N, C-alpha and C. Protein backbone atom coordinates (compact mmCIF):
# COMPACT_ATOMS: atom_id res chain seq x y z
N MET A 1 -29.66 -1.52 53.55
CA MET A 1 -30.94 -2.19 53.79
C MET A 1 -30.78 -3.67 53.46
N ASN A 2 -31.38 -4.53 54.27
CA ASN A 2 -31.18 -5.97 54.13
C ASN A 2 -32.21 -6.65 53.24
N GLY A 3 -33.15 -5.92 52.67
CA GLY A 3 -34.17 -6.53 51.84
C GLY A 3 -35.37 -7.01 52.64
N PHE A 4 -35.26 -6.97 53.96
CA PHE A 4 -36.35 -7.42 54.82
C PHE A 4 -36.82 -6.28 55.72
N ASP A 5 -36.69 -5.05 55.27
CA ASP A 5 -37.11 -3.93 56.08
C ASP A 5 -38.62 -3.99 56.21
N VAL A 6 -39.11 -4.25 57.40
CA VAL A 6 -40.53 -4.49 57.59
C VAL A 6 -41.26 -3.28 58.16
N THR A 7 -40.54 -2.22 58.45
CA THR A 7 -41.17 -1.02 58.95
C THR A 7 -41.09 0.02 57.84
N PHE A 8 -42.21 0.64 57.52
CA PHE A 8 -42.20 1.62 56.46
C PHE A 8 -43.05 2.80 56.85
N ARG A 9 -42.83 3.91 56.13
CA ARG A 9 -43.55 5.13 56.44
C ARG A 9 -44.80 5.20 55.58
N ASP A 10 -45.89 5.60 56.20
CA ASP A 10 -47.15 5.75 55.49
C ASP A 10 -47.83 6.97 56.09
N ASP A 11 -47.93 8.04 55.33
CA ASP A 11 -48.52 9.28 55.82
C ASP A 11 -47.88 9.73 57.13
N GLN A 12 -46.55 9.67 57.19
CA GLN A 12 -45.77 10.12 58.34
C GLN A 12 -45.96 9.29 59.60
N ASP A 13 -46.67 8.17 59.53
CA ASP A 13 -46.83 7.28 60.69
C ASP A 13 -46.08 5.99 60.41
N TRP A 14 -45.47 5.45 61.46
CA TRP A 14 -44.79 4.16 61.33
C TRP A 14 -45.83 3.06 61.37
N VAL A 15 -45.64 2.06 60.53
CA VAL A 15 -46.53 0.91 60.51
C VAL A 15 -45.77 -0.27 61.12
N ASP A 16 -46.37 -0.90 62.11
CA ASP A 16 -45.77 -2.02 62.82
C ASP A 16 -46.10 -3.31 62.08
N PHE A 17 -45.06 -4.00 61.58
CA PHE A 17 -45.27 -5.24 60.83
C PHE A 17 -46.03 -6.27 61.66
N GLY A 18 -45.61 -6.46 62.90
CA GLY A 18 -46.25 -7.47 63.75
C GLY A 18 -47.73 -7.23 63.91
N ARG A 19 -48.10 -6.00 64.22
CA ARG A 19 -49.51 -5.68 64.44
C ARG A 19 -50.31 -5.86 63.14
N SER A 20 -49.73 -5.44 62.03
CA SER A 20 -50.47 -5.58 60.77
C SER A 20 -50.50 -7.04 60.32
N TYR A 21 -49.42 -7.79 60.58
CA TYR A 21 -49.39 -9.18 60.13
C TYR A 21 -50.41 -10.03 60.87
N VAL A 22 -50.48 -9.90 62.19
CA VAL A 22 -51.39 -10.77 62.94
C VAL A 22 -52.86 -10.47 62.64
N ASN A 23 -53.11 -9.35 62.01
CA ASN A 23 -54.48 -9.02 61.62
C ASN A 23 -54.73 -9.31 60.13
N SER A 24 -53.79 -9.94 59.47
CA SER A 24 -53.90 -10.17 58.02
C SER A 24 -54.50 -11.53 57.68
N GLU A 25 -54.93 -11.66 56.45
CA GLU A 25 -55.42 -12.94 55.95
C GLU A 25 -54.28 -13.97 55.90
N ALA A 26 -53.06 -13.51 55.66
CA ALA A 26 -51.91 -14.42 55.63
C ALA A 26 -51.73 -15.08 57.00
N PHE A 27 -51.88 -14.30 58.07
CA PHE A 27 -51.75 -14.90 59.40
C PHE A 27 -52.90 -15.87 59.66
N LYS A 28 -54.10 -15.50 59.26
CA LYS A 28 -55.24 -16.41 59.47
C LYS A 28 -55.01 -17.75 58.76
N ALA A 29 -54.44 -17.69 57.55
CA ALA A 29 -54.14 -18.92 56.80
C ALA A 29 -53.04 -19.71 57.51
N LEU A 30 -52.01 -19.02 58.00
CA LEU A 30 -50.93 -19.68 58.73
C LEU A 30 -51.48 -20.33 60.00
N PHE A 31 -52.36 -19.64 60.68
CA PHE A 31 -52.96 -20.17 61.91
C PHE A 31 -53.75 -21.45 61.60
N ARG A 32 -54.58 -21.38 60.55
CA ARG A 32 -55.37 -22.57 60.16
C ARG A 32 -54.44 -23.74 59.79
N ASP A 33 -53.42 -23.45 58.99
CA ASP A 33 -52.48 -24.50 58.58
C ASP A 33 -51.77 -25.11 59.79
N GLY A 34 -51.33 -24.26 60.69
CA GLY A 34 -50.62 -24.74 61.88
C GLY A 34 -51.50 -25.60 62.77
N MET A 35 -52.71 -25.13 63.04
CA MET A 35 -53.60 -25.88 63.92
C MET A 35 -54.09 -27.16 63.25
N THR A 36 -54.25 -27.12 61.94
CA THR A 36 -54.62 -28.34 61.20
C THR A 36 -53.51 -29.37 61.30
N LEU A 37 -52.27 -28.92 61.18
CA LEU A 37 -51.13 -29.84 61.29
C LEU A 37 -51.05 -30.44 62.70
N VAL A 38 -51.32 -29.63 63.71
CA VAL A 38 -51.33 -30.14 65.09
C VAL A 38 -52.39 -31.23 65.24
N GLU A 39 -53.60 -30.96 64.76
CA GLU A 39 -54.69 -31.93 64.86
C GLU A 39 -54.40 -33.19 64.05
N GLU A 40 -53.89 -33.00 62.85
CA GLU A 40 -53.57 -34.13 61.97
C GLU A 40 -52.50 -35.02 62.60
N THR A 41 -51.49 -34.41 63.18
CA THR A 41 -50.41 -35.17 63.82
C THR A 41 -50.93 -35.92 65.04
N ALA A 42 -51.74 -35.25 65.85
CA ALA A 42 -52.30 -35.91 67.04
C ALA A 42 -53.14 -37.11 66.63
N ALA A 43 -53.96 -36.95 65.61
CA ALA A 43 -54.79 -38.05 65.14
C ALA A 43 -53.92 -39.19 64.62
N TYR A 44 -52.86 -38.87 63.88
CA TYR A 44 -51.97 -39.89 63.36
C TYR A 44 -51.29 -40.65 64.51
N LEU A 45 -50.71 -39.91 65.46
CA LEU A 45 -49.97 -40.57 66.54
C LEU A 45 -50.88 -41.40 67.44
N ASP A 46 -52.13 -40.99 67.58
CA ASP A 46 -53.07 -41.75 68.40
C ASP A 46 -53.71 -42.92 67.66
N GLY A 47 -53.64 -42.91 66.34
CA GLY A 47 -54.31 -43.96 65.56
C GLY A 47 -53.34 -44.73 64.70
N GLU A 48 -53.29 -44.35 63.44
CA GLU A 48 -52.47 -45.04 62.45
C GLU A 48 -51.01 -45.12 62.87
N GLY A 49 -50.51 -44.07 63.46
CA GLY A 49 -49.11 -44.06 63.89
C GLY A 49 -48.83 -45.07 64.98
N ARG A 50 -49.77 -45.23 65.88
CA ARG A 50 -49.61 -46.23 66.94
C ARG A 50 -49.49 -47.63 66.32
N ASP A 51 -50.35 -47.89 65.32
CA ASP A 51 -50.29 -49.18 64.63
C ASP A 51 -48.97 -49.35 63.88
N GLU A 52 -48.54 -48.28 63.19
CA GLU A 52 -47.29 -48.35 62.42
C GLU A 52 -46.08 -48.52 63.34
N SER A 53 -46.13 -47.95 64.54
CA SER A 53 -44.99 -48.05 65.46
C SER A 53 -44.75 -49.50 65.87
N ARG A 54 -45.79 -50.30 65.85
CA ARG A 54 -45.65 -51.71 66.22
C ARG A 54 -45.02 -52.53 65.08
N LEU A 55 -45.05 -51.96 63.87
CA LEU A 55 -44.55 -52.69 62.70
C LEU A 55 -43.10 -52.35 62.34
N VAL A 56 -42.54 -51.31 62.95
CA VAL A 56 -41.17 -50.92 62.60
C VAL A 56 -40.18 -51.89 63.22
N SER A 57 -38.99 -51.89 62.67
CA SER A 57 -37.94 -52.79 63.18
C SER A 57 -37.54 -52.39 64.60
N ARG A 58 -36.85 -53.29 65.26
CA ARG A 58 -36.37 -52.97 66.62
C ARG A 58 -35.48 -51.74 66.62
N ASP A 59 -34.64 -51.63 65.60
CA ASP A 59 -33.74 -50.48 65.49
C ASP A 59 -34.53 -49.18 65.36
N ALA A 60 -35.66 -49.26 64.71
CA ALA A 60 -36.45 -48.05 64.46
C ALA A 60 -37.35 -47.68 65.63
N THR A 61 -37.57 -48.58 66.57
CA THR A 61 -38.49 -48.32 67.68
C THR A 61 -38.05 -47.11 68.50
N LEU A 62 -36.76 -47.05 68.83
CA LEU A 62 -36.25 -45.92 69.61
C LEU A 62 -36.34 -44.63 68.80
N SER A 63 -36.00 -44.70 67.52
CA SER A 63 -36.10 -43.52 66.65
C SER A 63 -37.53 -43.03 66.55
N TYR A 64 -38.46 -43.96 66.42
CA TYR A 64 -39.87 -43.61 66.32
C TYR A 64 -40.31 -42.87 67.58
N ALA A 65 -39.96 -43.41 68.74
CA ALA A 65 -40.35 -42.79 70.00
C ALA A 65 -39.73 -41.40 70.15
N ALA A 66 -38.44 -41.29 69.86
CA ALA A 66 -37.74 -40.00 70.00
C ALA A 66 -38.30 -38.97 69.03
N GLU A 67 -38.48 -39.35 67.78
CA GLU A 67 -38.93 -38.38 66.77
C GLU A 67 -40.39 -37.99 66.97
N SER A 68 -41.22 -38.91 67.41
CA SER A 68 -42.61 -38.53 67.66
C SER A 68 -42.69 -37.58 68.86
N MET A 69 -41.81 -37.76 69.85
CA MET A 69 -41.77 -36.85 71.00
C MET A 69 -41.26 -35.47 70.56
N ARG A 70 -40.21 -35.45 69.75
CA ARG A 70 -39.70 -34.16 69.23
C ARG A 70 -40.76 -33.44 68.41
N LEU A 71 -41.45 -34.21 67.58
CA LEU A 71 -42.50 -33.63 66.74
C LEU A 71 -43.60 -33.03 67.59
N THR A 72 -44.02 -33.74 68.62
CA THR A 72 -45.07 -33.25 69.50
C THR A 72 -44.62 -31.96 70.20
N THR A 73 -43.39 -31.94 70.68
CA THR A 73 -42.85 -30.74 71.34
C THR A 73 -42.81 -29.56 70.38
N LEU A 74 -42.33 -29.81 69.18
CA LEU A 74 -42.25 -28.75 68.17
C LEU A 74 -43.63 -28.20 67.85
N LEU A 75 -44.59 -29.07 67.68
CA LEU A 75 -45.95 -28.62 67.36
C LEU A 75 -46.59 -27.87 68.52
N MET A 76 -46.26 -28.22 69.74
CA MET A 76 -46.80 -27.48 70.89
C MET A 76 -46.20 -26.07 70.94
N GLN A 77 -44.93 -25.93 70.60
CA GLN A 77 -44.31 -24.61 70.52
C GLN A 77 -44.98 -23.78 69.42
N ILE A 78 -45.21 -24.40 68.28
CA ILE A 78 -45.87 -23.72 67.17
C ILE A 78 -47.28 -23.28 67.57
N ALA A 79 -48.04 -24.19 68.16
CA ALA A 79 -49.41 -23.87 68.57
C ALA A 79 -49.42 -22.75 69.60
N SER A 80 -48.50 -22.78 70.54
CA SER A 80 -48.43 -21.72 71.55
C SER A 80 -48.17 -20.37 70.90
N TRP A 81 -47.21 -20.33 69.98
CA TRP A 81 -46.88 -19.08 69.29
C TRP A 81 -48.09 -18.57 68.51
N LEU A 82 -48.75 -19.46 67.78
CA LEU A 82 -49.91 -19.07 66.99
C LEU A 82 -51.03 -18.54 67.89
N LEU A 83 -51.27 -19.19 69.01
CA LEU A 83 -52.34 -18.75 69.92
C LEU A 83 -52.02 -17.40 70.55
N VAL A 84 -50.76 -17.16 70.89
CA VAL A 84 -50.37 -15.86 71.45
C VAL A 84 -50.56 -14.77 70.40
N GLN A 85 -50.14 -15.04 69.17
CA GLN A 85 -50.29 -14.03 68.11
C GLN A 85 -51.76 -13.76 67.81
N ARG A 86 -52.59 -14.80 67.85
CA ARG A 86 -54.02 -14.59 67.62
C ARG A 86 -54.62 -13.77 68.76
N ALA A 87 -54.16 -14.00 69.99
CA ALA A 87 -54.64 -13.21 71.13
C ALA A 87 -54.29 -11.73 70.94
N VAL A 88 -53.12 -11.45 70.39
CA VAL A 88 -52.74 -10.06 70.10
C VAL A 88 -53.67 -9.49 69.03
N ALA A 89 -53.92 -10.27 67.98
CA ALA A 89 -54.78 -9.81 66.89
C ALA A 89 -56.19 -9.50 67.38
N GLU A 90 -56.67 -10.30 68.33
CA GLU A 90 -58.04 -10.13 68.82
C GLU A 90 -58.13 -9.16 70.00
N GLY A 91 -56.99 -8.56 70.36
CA GLY A 91 -56.99 -7.58 71.44
C GLY A 91 -57.07 -8.17 72.83
N GLU A 92 -56.89 -9.48 72.95
CA GLU A 92 -56.93 -10.14 74.26
C GLU A 92 -55.60 -9.99 74.98
N MET A 93 -54.57 -9.60 74.24
CA MET A 93 -53.23 -9.47 74.80
C MET A 93 -52.54 -8.33 74.06
N THR A 94 -51.75 -7.55 74.76
CA THR A 94 -50.99 -6.49 74.12
C THR A 94 -49.71 -7.08 73.53
N PRO A 95 -49.10 -6.38 72.57
CA PRO A 95 -47.81 -6.87 72.07
C PRO A 95 -46.77 -7.02 73.18
N ALA A 96 -46.80 -6.13 74.18
CA ALA A 96 -45.86 -6.24 75.29
C ALA A 96 -46.11 -7.51 76.10
N GLU A 97 -47.37 -7.85 76.32
CA GLU A 97 -47.70 -9.08 77.03
C GLU A 97 -47.28 -10.30 76.21
N ALA A 98 -47.43 -10.20 74.89
CA ALA A 98 -47.00 -11.29 74.01
C ALA A 98 -45.49 -11.48 74.11
N LEU A 99 -44.77 -10.39 74.24
CA LEU A 99 -43.32 -10.47 74.38
C LEU A 99 -42.95 -11.16 75.69
N GLN A 100 -43.67 -10.85 76.76
CA GLN A 100 -43.42 -11.53 78.04
C GLN A 100 -43.74 -13.02 77.92
N GLU A 101 -44.83 -13.33 77.22
CA GLU A 101 -45.22 -14.73 77.03
C GLU A 101 -44.17 -15.48 76.22
N LYS A 102 -43.55 -14.77 75.29
CA LYS A 102 -42.52 -15.36 74.44
C LYS A 102 -41.36 -15.91 75.27
N HIS A 103 -41.08 -15.23 76.38
CA HIS A 103 -39.98 -15.70 77.23
C HIS A 103 -40.34 -16.96 77.99
N ARG A 104 -41.64 -17.21 78.16
CA ARG A 104 -42.09 -18.44 78.84
C ARG A 104 -42.13 -19.62 77.89
N VAL A 105 -42.59 -19.38 76.67
CA VAL A 105 -42.70 -20.44 75.67
C VAL A 105 -41.67 -20.16 74.58
N LYS A 106 -40.58 -20.86 74.62
CA LYS A 106 -39.49 -20.64 73.67
C LYS A 106 -39.76 -21.36 72.36
N LEU A 107 -39.46 -20.67 71.28
CA LEU A 107 -39.48 -21.30 69.96
C LEU A 107 -38.07 -21.81 69.72
N GLY A 108 -37.76 -22.94 70.27
CA GLY A 108 -36.41 -23.49 70.16
C GLY A 108 -36.06 -23.85 68.74
N THR A 109 -34.81 -24.12 68.55
CA THR A 109 -34.38 -24.59 67.24
C THR A 109 -34.71 -26.07 67.13
N ALA A 110 -35.19 -26.45 65.99
CA ALA A 110 -35.59 -27.84 65.76
C ALA A 110 -34.39 -28.61 65.25
N GLU A 111 -33.87 -29.47 66.09
CA GLU A 111 -32.73 -30.29 65.70
C GLU A 111 -33.18 -31.35 64.71
N PRO A 112 -32.54 -31.42 63.54
CA PRO A 112 -32.99 -32.41 62.55
C PRO A 112 -32.65 -33.83 63.00
N PRO A 113 -33.51 -34.76 62.65
CA PRO A 113 -33.20 -36.16 62.98
C PRO A 113 -32.03 -36.64 62.14
N LYS A 114 -31.32 -37.61 62.66
CA LYS A 114 -30.23 -38.21 61.87
C LYS A 114 -30.85 -38.90 60.66
N GLN A 115 -30.23 -38.73 59.51
CA GLN A 115 -30.80 -39.25 58.27
C GLN A 115 -31.04 -40.75 58.34
N GLN A 116 -30.10 -41.50 58.92
CA GLN A 116 -30.28 -42.96 58.98
C GLN A 116 -31.48 -43.32 59.86
N ASP A 117 -31.69 -42.57 60.96
CA ASP A 117 -32.85 -42.81 61.83
C ASP A 117 -34.14 -42.38 61.14
N PHE A 118 -34.07 -41.24 60.46
CA PHE A 118 -35.24 -40.69 59.77
C PHE A 118 -35.75 -41.68 58.73
N ASN A 119 -34.84 -42.30 58.00
CA ASN A 119 -35.22 -43.24 56.95
C ASN A 119 -35.90 -44.49 57.49
N LEU A 120 -35.71 -44.80 58.77
CA LEU A 120 -36.34 -45.98 59.38
C LEU A 120 -37.80 -45.71 59.77
N LEU A 121 -38.18 -44.44 59.81
CA LEU A 121 -39.52 -44.08 60.26
C LEU A 121 -40.56 -44.34 59.18
N PRO A 122 -41.81 -44.58 59.58
CA PRO A 122 -42.88 -44.73 58.59
C PRO A 122 -42.99 -43.45 57.73
N MET A 123 -43.36 -43.61 56.49
CA MET A 123 -43.42 -42.50 55.54
C MET A 123 -44.33 -41.37 56.05
N ARG A 124 -45.45 -41.71 56.61
CA ARG A 124 -46.40 -40.68 57.07
C ARG A 124 -45.78 -39.83 58.18
N LEU A 125 -45.06 -40.47 59.10
CA LEU A 125 -44.39 -39.71 60.16
C LEU A 125 -43.30 -38.83 59.57
N GLN A 126 -42.58 -39.32 58.60
CA GLN A 126 -41.56 -38.50 57.93
C GLN A 126 -42.19 -37.25 57.32
N GLN A 127 -43.33 -37.43 56.65
CA GLN A 127 -44.01 -36.29 56.03
C GLN A 127 -44.45 -35.26 57.06
N LEU A 128 -44.99 -35.73 58.17
CA LEU A 128 -45.43 -34.82 59.22
C LEU A 128 -44.25 -34.06 59.82
N ILE A 129 -43.13 -34.74 60.01
CA ILE A 129 -41.93 -34.08 60.53
C ILE A 129 -41.45 -33.00 59.58
N VAL A 130 -41.41 -33.30 58.30
CA VAL A 130 -40.95 -32.33 57.30
C VAL A 130 -41.88 -31.11 57.29
N ARG A 131 -43.17 -31.34 57.30
CA ARG A 131 -44.14 -30.22 57.29
C ARG A 131 -44.00 -29.37 58.55
N ALA A 132 -43.84 -30.02 59.70
CA ALA A 132 -43.71 -29.27 60.96
C ALA A 132 -42.42 -28.45 60.97
N ARG A 133 -41.35 -29.00 60.46
CA ARG A 133 -40.08 -28.26 60.43
C ARG A 133 -40.16 -27.06 59.49
N ARG A 134 -40.83 -27.21 58.36
CA ARG A 134 -41.01 -26.08 57.44
C ARG A 134 -41.85 -24.98 58.10
N LEU A 135 -42.93 -25.39 58.74
CA LEU A 135 -43.78 -24.42 59.42
C LEU A 135 -43.01 -23.73 60.54
N HIS A 136 -42.24 -24.48 61.28
CA HIS A 136 -41.42 -23.93 62.36
C HIS A 136 -40.43 -22.89 61.82
N SER A 137 -39.80 -23.18 60.70
CA SER A 137 -38.87 -22.23 60.08
C SER A 137 -39.57 -20.94 59.70
N ARG A 138 -40.76 -21.05 59.11
CA ARG A 138 -41.54 -19.85 58.75
C ARG A 138 -41.86 -19.04 59.99
N ILE A 139 -42.26 -19.71 61.05
CA ILE A 139 -42.65 -19.01 62.27
C ILE A 139 -41.44 -18.36 62.93
N LEU A 140 -40.29 -19.03 62.93
CA LEU A 140 -39.08 -18.40 63.47
C LEU A 140 -38.75 -17.12 62.72
N HIS A 141 -38.88 -17.16 61.39
CA HIS A 141 -38.62 -15.98 60.57
C HIS A 141 -39.62 -14.86 60.91
N LEU A 142 -40.89 -15.20 60.96
CA LEU A 142 -41.91 -14.20 61.28
C LEU A 142 -41.71 -13.64 62.69
N ASP A 143 -41.38 -14.50 63.62
CA ASP A 143 -41.17 -14.07 64.99
C ASP A 143 -40.02 -13.06 65.06
N ALA A 144 -38.96 -13.32 64.31
CA ALA A 144 -37.83 -12.38 64.28
C ALA A 144 -38.26 -11.03 63.69
N LEU A 145 -39.07 -11.06 62.63
CA LEU A 145 -39.54 -9.82 62.03
C LEU A 145 -40.44 -9.04 62.99
N ILE A 146 -41.30 -9.75 63.68
CA ILE A 146 -42.21 -9.11 64.63
C ILE A 146 -41.41 -8.54 65.80
N ALA A 147 -40.44 -9.28 66.28
CA ALA A 147 -39.63 -8.83 67.41
C ALA A 147 -38.83 -7.57 67.07
N GLU A 148 -38.41 -7.43 65.82
CA GLU A 148 -37.67 -6.23 65.39
C GLU A 148 -38.50 -4.97 65.58
N ASP A 149 -39.81 -5.10 65.43
CA ASP A 149 -40.69 -3.93 65.51
C ASP A 149 -41.09 -3.58 66.94
N ARG A 150 -40.97 -4.52 67.84
CA ARG A 150 -41.44 -4.27 69.21
C ARG A 150 -40.35 -3.60 70.01
N PRO A 151 -40.65 -2.45 70.57
CA PRO A 151 -39.64 -1.77 71.38
C PRO A 151 -39.35 -2.56 72.65
N THR A 152 -38.13 -2.44 73.11
CA THR A 152 -37.76 -3.07 74.37
C THR A 152 -38.43 -2.30 75.49
N PRO A 153 -39.15 -2.99 76.37
CA PRO A 153 -39.83 -2.30 77.45
C PRO A 153 -38.82 -1.55 78.33
N GLN A 154 -39.14 -0.29 78.60
CA GLN A 154 -38.29 0.53 79.45
C GLN A 154 -38.76 0.42 80.89
N PRO A 155 -37.82 0.40 81.84
CA PRO A 155 -38.24 0.32 83.24
C PRO A 155 -39.04 1.56 83.61
N VAL A 156 -40.07 1.36 84.37
CA VAL A 156 -40.94 2.46 84.79
C VAL A 156 -40.57 2.82 86.21
N GLU A 157 -40.36 4.13 86.42
CA GLU A 157 -40.03 4.61 87.76
C GLU A 157 -41.26 4.49 88.64
N SER A 158 -41.05 4.08 89.86
CA SER A 158 -42.19 3.92 90.76
C SER A 158 -42.74 5.30 91.12
N PRO A 159 -44.03 5.40 91.38
CA PRO A 159 -44.64 6.69 91.75
C PRO A 159 -44.00 7.28 93.00
N VAL A 160 -43.62 6.44 93.95
CA VAL A 160 -42.99 6.93 95.18
C VAL A 160 -41.65 7.58 94.86
N ALA A 161 -40.84 6.89 94.01
CA ALA A 161 -39.54 7.45 93.64
C ALA A 161 -39.71 8.77 92.89
N ALA A 162 -40.73 8.86 92.07
CA ALA A 162 -40.99 10.11 91.33
C ALA A 162 -41.32 11.24 92.30
N GLN A 163 -42.15 10.94 93.30
CA GLN A 163 -42.51 11.97 94.29
C GLN A 163 -41.28 12.38 95.11
N GLN A 164 -40.45 11.42 95.47
CA GLN A 164 -39.24 11.74 96.22
C GLN A 164 -38.32 12.64 95.40
N GLY A 165 -38.23 12.37 94.12
CA GLY A 165 -37.42 13.21 93.24
C GLY A 165 -37.95 14.63 93.18
N LEU A 166 -39.27 14.77 93.10
CA LEU A 166 -39.88 16.11 93.09
C LEU A 166 -39.61 16.84 94.40
N LEU A 167 -39.71 16.13 95.51
CA LEU A 167 -39.43 16.75 96.81
C LEU A 167 -37.97 17.20 96.90
N ARG A 168 -37.03 16.37 96.45
CA ARG A 168 -35.62 16.76 96.46
C ARG A 168 -35.40 18.02 95.64
N MET A 169 -36.03 18.07 94.46
CA MET A 169 -35.88 19.25 93.60
C MET A 169 -36.46 20.48 94.29
N ALA A 170 -37.60 20.35 94.95
CA ALA A 170 -38.25 21.49 95.62
C ALA A 170 -37.35 22.01 96.75
N PHE A 171 -36.75 21.11 97.52
CA PHE A 171 -35.88 21.53 98.62
C PHE A 171 -34.61 22.19 98.09
N ARG A 172 -34.08 21.68 96.99
CA ARG A 172 -32.88 22.31 96.40
C ARG A 172 -33.21 23.71 95.93
N MET A 173 -34.37 23.90 95.35
CA MET A 173 -34.76 25.22 94.84
C MET A 173 -34.93 26.19 96.00
N SER A 174 -35.50 25.74 97.12
CA SER A 174 -35.74 26.64 98.25
C SER A 174 -34.43 27.00 98.96
N GLU A 175 -33.42 26.13 98.83
CA GLU A 175 -32.12 26.43 99.45
C GLU A 175 -31.31 27.39 98.61
N GLY A 176 -31.57 27.42 97.34
CA GLY A 176 -30.74 28.19 96.43
C GLY A 176 -31.09 29.58 96.32
């Protein structure tokens, strides 16, 4: 056992970590924290951050633009994941549909900024980047735990193919 066994037996029924987690207070707190960070970052980049970007050195201008774009992308991935999980919790989406959605919105790995470039950024932007990366790491971990519990969808035989199979069996029986 790896110490992270998230499926356990309770009265002979399996409990799905993903389903129980998205309905928990811990998920609600994570959702609030994530969406607050998205709003806080958007407000910063549209206001104070815009002003600060004009004050950075020429060398830092490119870093500021690149890192603010990376941060925005990372937060959009986080928000998408949180919204999909909330839709599962509220019954608007099945876990299987959430799995399909996961393939459309990838939780990519967050490439860390180069330390020398990071140090050129305004302190507030640095703080937002660090918070977003920590949240992203938590979500990647949770996503892996949730994915472990979700069965891989099995292909469903078409009704026509099923009927054809029954007909073949019936004809074989009548010949025998």
